Protein backbone atom coordinates (compact mmCIF):
# COMPACT_ATOMS: atom_id res chain seq x y z
CA MET A 1 10.88 -16.08 9.24
CA GLU A 2 10.88 -12.70 10.48
CA GLU A 3 14.64 -12.12 9.19
CA HIS A 4 14.25 -13.76 6.01
CA PHE A 5 11.27 -11.05 5.51
CA THR A 6 13.54 -8.47 6.83
CA ARG A 7 16.43 -9.15 4.65
CA ARG A 8 14.28 -9.60 1.39
CA LEU A 9 12.05 -6.69 1.92
CA GLY A 10 15.11 -3.90 2.51
CA GLY A 11 14.74 -4.06 6.00
CA ALA A 12 12.29 -1.50 5.62
CA SER A 13 9.78 -0.93 8.28
CA PRO A 14 5.92 -0.08 8.73
CA SER A 15 7.30 2.95 10.22
CA GLY A 16 10.38 4.04 8.08
CA THR A 17 10.29 6.95 5.44
CA GLY A 18 12.39 7.81 2.65
CA PRO A 19 13.25 11.40 1.82
CA GLY A 20 10.36 13.69 1.35
CA SER A 21 7.78 10.01 1.19
CA GLY A 22 6.71 9.26 3.84
CA GLY A 23 7.88 5.58 2.79
CA PRO A 24 10.71 3.78 1.70
CA ASP A 25 11.64 3.53 -1.86
CA GLY A 26 9.80 0.78 -3.51
CA ARG A 27 12.99 -0.40 -4.46
CA ALA A 28 13.79 -1.44 -1.08
CA VAL A 29 10.86 -3.86 -1.36
CA GLY A 30 12.93 -6.41 -3.29
CA SER A 31 12.70 -8.59 -6.12
CA GLU A 32 11.05 -11.77 -4.94
CA VAL A 33 9.56 -13.02 -1.75
CA ASP A 34 10.30 -16.76 -2.30
CA ALA A 35 10.79 -17.99 1.37
CA LEU A 36 7.66 -17.07 2.65
CA ARG A 37 4.98 -19.47 2.45
CA ALA A 38 2.21 -16.79 2.72
CA VAL A 39 2.47 -13.45 0.99
CA THR A 40 -0.33 -10.63 0.26
CA VAL A 41 0.70 -7.70 -1.76
CA VAL A 42 -2.00 -4.51 -1.20
CA TYR A 43 -1.39 -2.25 -4.03
CA ILE A 44 -2.90 1.48 -2.71
CA ASP A 45 -3.45 4.31 -4.73
CA LEU A 46 -4.23 7.74 -3.91
CA ASP A 47 -6.92 9.40 -5.38
CA ARG A 48 -7.57 12.85 -5.68
CA PHE A 49 -3.31 13.41 -4.94
CA LYS A 50 -3.07 15.68 -7.85
CA PRO A 51 -5.65 18.26 -7.27
CA VAL A 52 -4.09 18.37 -3.74
CA ASN A 53 -0.68 19.26 -5.26
CA ASP A 54 -2.12 21.05 -7.96
CA GLN A 55 -4.28 23.58 -6.20
CA HIS A 56 -1.91 23.85 -2.66
CA GLY A 57 1.68 23.22 -3.89
CA HIS A 58 3.81 20.30 -3.59
CA ALA A 59 4.78 21.12 -0.64
CA ALA A 60 1.25 20.40 0.72
CA GLY A 61 1.36 17.48 -1.42
CA ASP A 62 4.42 16.25 0.67
CA ARG A 63 3.14 16.52 3.43
CA LEU A 64 -0.13 14.49 2.07
CA LEU A 65 2.27 11.56 1.05
CA ARG A 66 4.39 11.73 4.67
CA LEU A 67 0.90 11.75 6.72
CA ALA A 68 -1.00 9.22 4.61
CA ALA A 69 2.07 6.97 4.80
CA GLN A 70 1.60 7.17 8.92
CA ARG A 71 -1.75 6.15 8.36
CA LEU A 72 -0.64 3.39 6.57
CA ALA A 73 2.31 2.32 8.44
CA GLY A 74 -0.15 2.27 11.45
CA LEU A 75 -2.53 -0.41 10.53
CA LEU A 76 0.53 -2.96 9.74
CA ARG A 77 1.22 -5.79 11.70
CA PRO A 78 4.74 -6.53 12.74
CA GLY A 79 6.54 -8.36 9.94
CA ASP A 80 4.71 -6.41 7.34
CA ARG A 81 6.43 -3.52 5.19
CA LEU A 82 5.50 -0.53 3.17
CA ALA A 83 6.54 1.31 0.53
CA ARG A 84 5.86 3.93 -1.57
CA LEU A 85 6.34 3.20 -5.45
CA GLY A 86 5.29 5.89 -7.40
CA GLU A 87 4.00 9.55 -6.87
CA ASP A 88 0.90 8.64 -5.28
CA GLU A 89 0.60 4.71 -4.92
CA PHE A 90 1.72 2.96 -1.80
CA VAL A 91 2.23 -1.04 -1.37
CA ALA A 92 2.01 -2.82 1.89
CA VAL A 93 3.55 -6.52 1.37
CA LEU A 94 1.49 -8.69 4.41
CA ALA A 95 3.15 -11.65 5.77
CA THR A 96 0.40 -13.46 5.57
CA ALA A 97 -2.39 -15.27 2.86
CA ASP A 98 -5.99 -15.38 5.81
CA PRO A 99 -8.58 -13.56 4.03
CA ALA A 100 -9.89 -12.03 6.61
CA VAL A 101 -6.90 -10.55 7.62
CA VAL A 102 -6.08 -9.03 4.46
CA HIS A 103 -9.64 -7.76 4.33
CA ALA A 104 -9.43 -6.29 7.46
CA VAL A 105 -6.11 -4.26 6.49
CA ALA A 106 -7.61 -3.34 3.36
CA THR A 107 -10.86 -2.06 4.49
CA ARG A 108 -8.93 -0.36 7.51
CA ALA A 109 -6.63 1.72 5.17
CA ALA A 110 -9.57 2.21 2.85
CA GLY A 111 -10.67 4.19 6.00
CA ALA A 112 -8.11 5.81 7.21
CA LEU A 113 -7.51 7.53 3.61
CA GLN A 114 -10.81 9.19 3.78
CA ASP A 115 -10.42 10.65 6.82
CA PRO A 116 -9.93 14.72 6.58
CA PHE A 117 -5.65 15.37 6.43
CA ASP A 118 -4.67 18.50 7.75
CA LEU A 119 -1.86 20.28 5.81
CA GLY A 120 -2.09 23.41 7.70
CA GLN A 121 -3.71 26.19 5.84
CA VAL A 122 -6.47 23.64 4.90
CA ALA A 123 -7.89 20.51 5.01
CA VAL A 124 -8.07 17.99 2.39
CA ARG A 125 -10.24 14.64 1.91
CA ILE A 126 -8.72 11.93 -0.69
CA SER A 127 -9.46 8.44 -1.39
CA ALA A 128 -7.80 5.08 -2.58
CA SER A 129 -8.47 2.81 -5.23
CA ILE A 130 -6.60 -0.75 -3.45
CA GLY A 131 -6.05 -4.02 -4.73
CA THR A 132 -4.74 -6.93 -3.68
CA ALA A 133 -3.01 -9.85 -4.44
CA VAL A 134 -2.30 -13.31 -2.26
CA SER A 135 0.06 -16.01 -2.92
CA ALA A 136 0.07 -19.32 -0.50
CA GLU A 137 3.06 -20.01 -2.19
CA PRO A 138 6.18 -18.96 -2.98
CA THR A 139 5.91 -16.24 -5.39
CA SER A 140 7.84 -13.03 -7.21
CA LEU A 141 7.07 -9.80 -6.07
CA ASP A 142 6.54 -8.75 -8.99
CA GLU A 143 4.03 -11.12 -9.99
CA LEU A 144 2.01 -9.98 -7.15
CA LEU A 145 2.60 -6.26 -7.87
CA ARG A 146 1.56 -6.85 -11.24
CA ARG A 147 -1.65 -8.82 -10.03
CA ALA A 148 -2.58 -6.59 -7.01
CA ASP A 149 -2.06 -3.54 -9.36
CA ALA A 150 -4.27 -5.01 -12.05
CA ALA A 151 -6.84 -5.47 -9.17
CA MET A 152 -5.98 -1.90 -8.10
CA TYR A 153 -6.92 -0.34 -11.26
CA ALA A 154 -10.12 -3.10 -11.76
CA ALA A 155 -11.49 -1.29 -8.60
CA LYS A 156 -10.77 2.13 -9.57
CA ALA A 157 -12.49 1.82 -12.95
CA VAL A 158 -15.99 0.59 -11.04
CA MET A 159 -15.12 3.84 -9.19
CA SER A 160 -15.59 2.52 -5.97
CA GLN A 161 -13.99 2.08 -2.55
CA ASP A 162 -14.20 -1.51 -3.02
CA ILE A 163 -11.49 -3.77 -2.99
CA GLY A 164 -10.30 -5.28 -5.77
CA ASP A 165 -9.30 -8.98 -5.66
CA GLY A 166 -6.49 -9.99 -7.67
CA SER A 167 -5.24 -13.55 -6.30
CA ALA A 168 -4.48 -16.31 -8.05
CA SER A 169 -7.87 -17.95 -7.52
CA GLY A 170 -9.68 -15.10 -8.77
CA HIS A 171 -11.96 -14.89 -5.51
CA GLY A 172 -11.31 -13.90 -2.06
């Protein structure tokens, strides 16, 4: 399974980084995870990133993204993958549908991103809105991304650190 998982996700590893982004480009994640029997997408949106970028400059914003990616990558297990999707959005693809593992990874991610980030001249605090989508059977990555994104926006809407759940069953 590891060989297929790596090949389908473009060989991106949790420690890999894209140019200046702190993570591989989201295109490297691939379009499907059809051979996996169990997979979870954890969609992570960095809250309060824009004010850091606006107030402290793009170099500080880039450093924040790299540091956030390092923290997130450090939480992943062998076989899991991390990619940056947008300006302040990351996705982790976990090779599991185990609710306890998914909850633990998402909770640790939220906690790790709350600790201060030393950007050189200033230390900043951010938080994250996180949504998950779990599938215990082959599912397209696009569908899981859509569900995890919707769950992340649901979590953001209640303005909390809660982890939104976009699993097929609707609970998790």
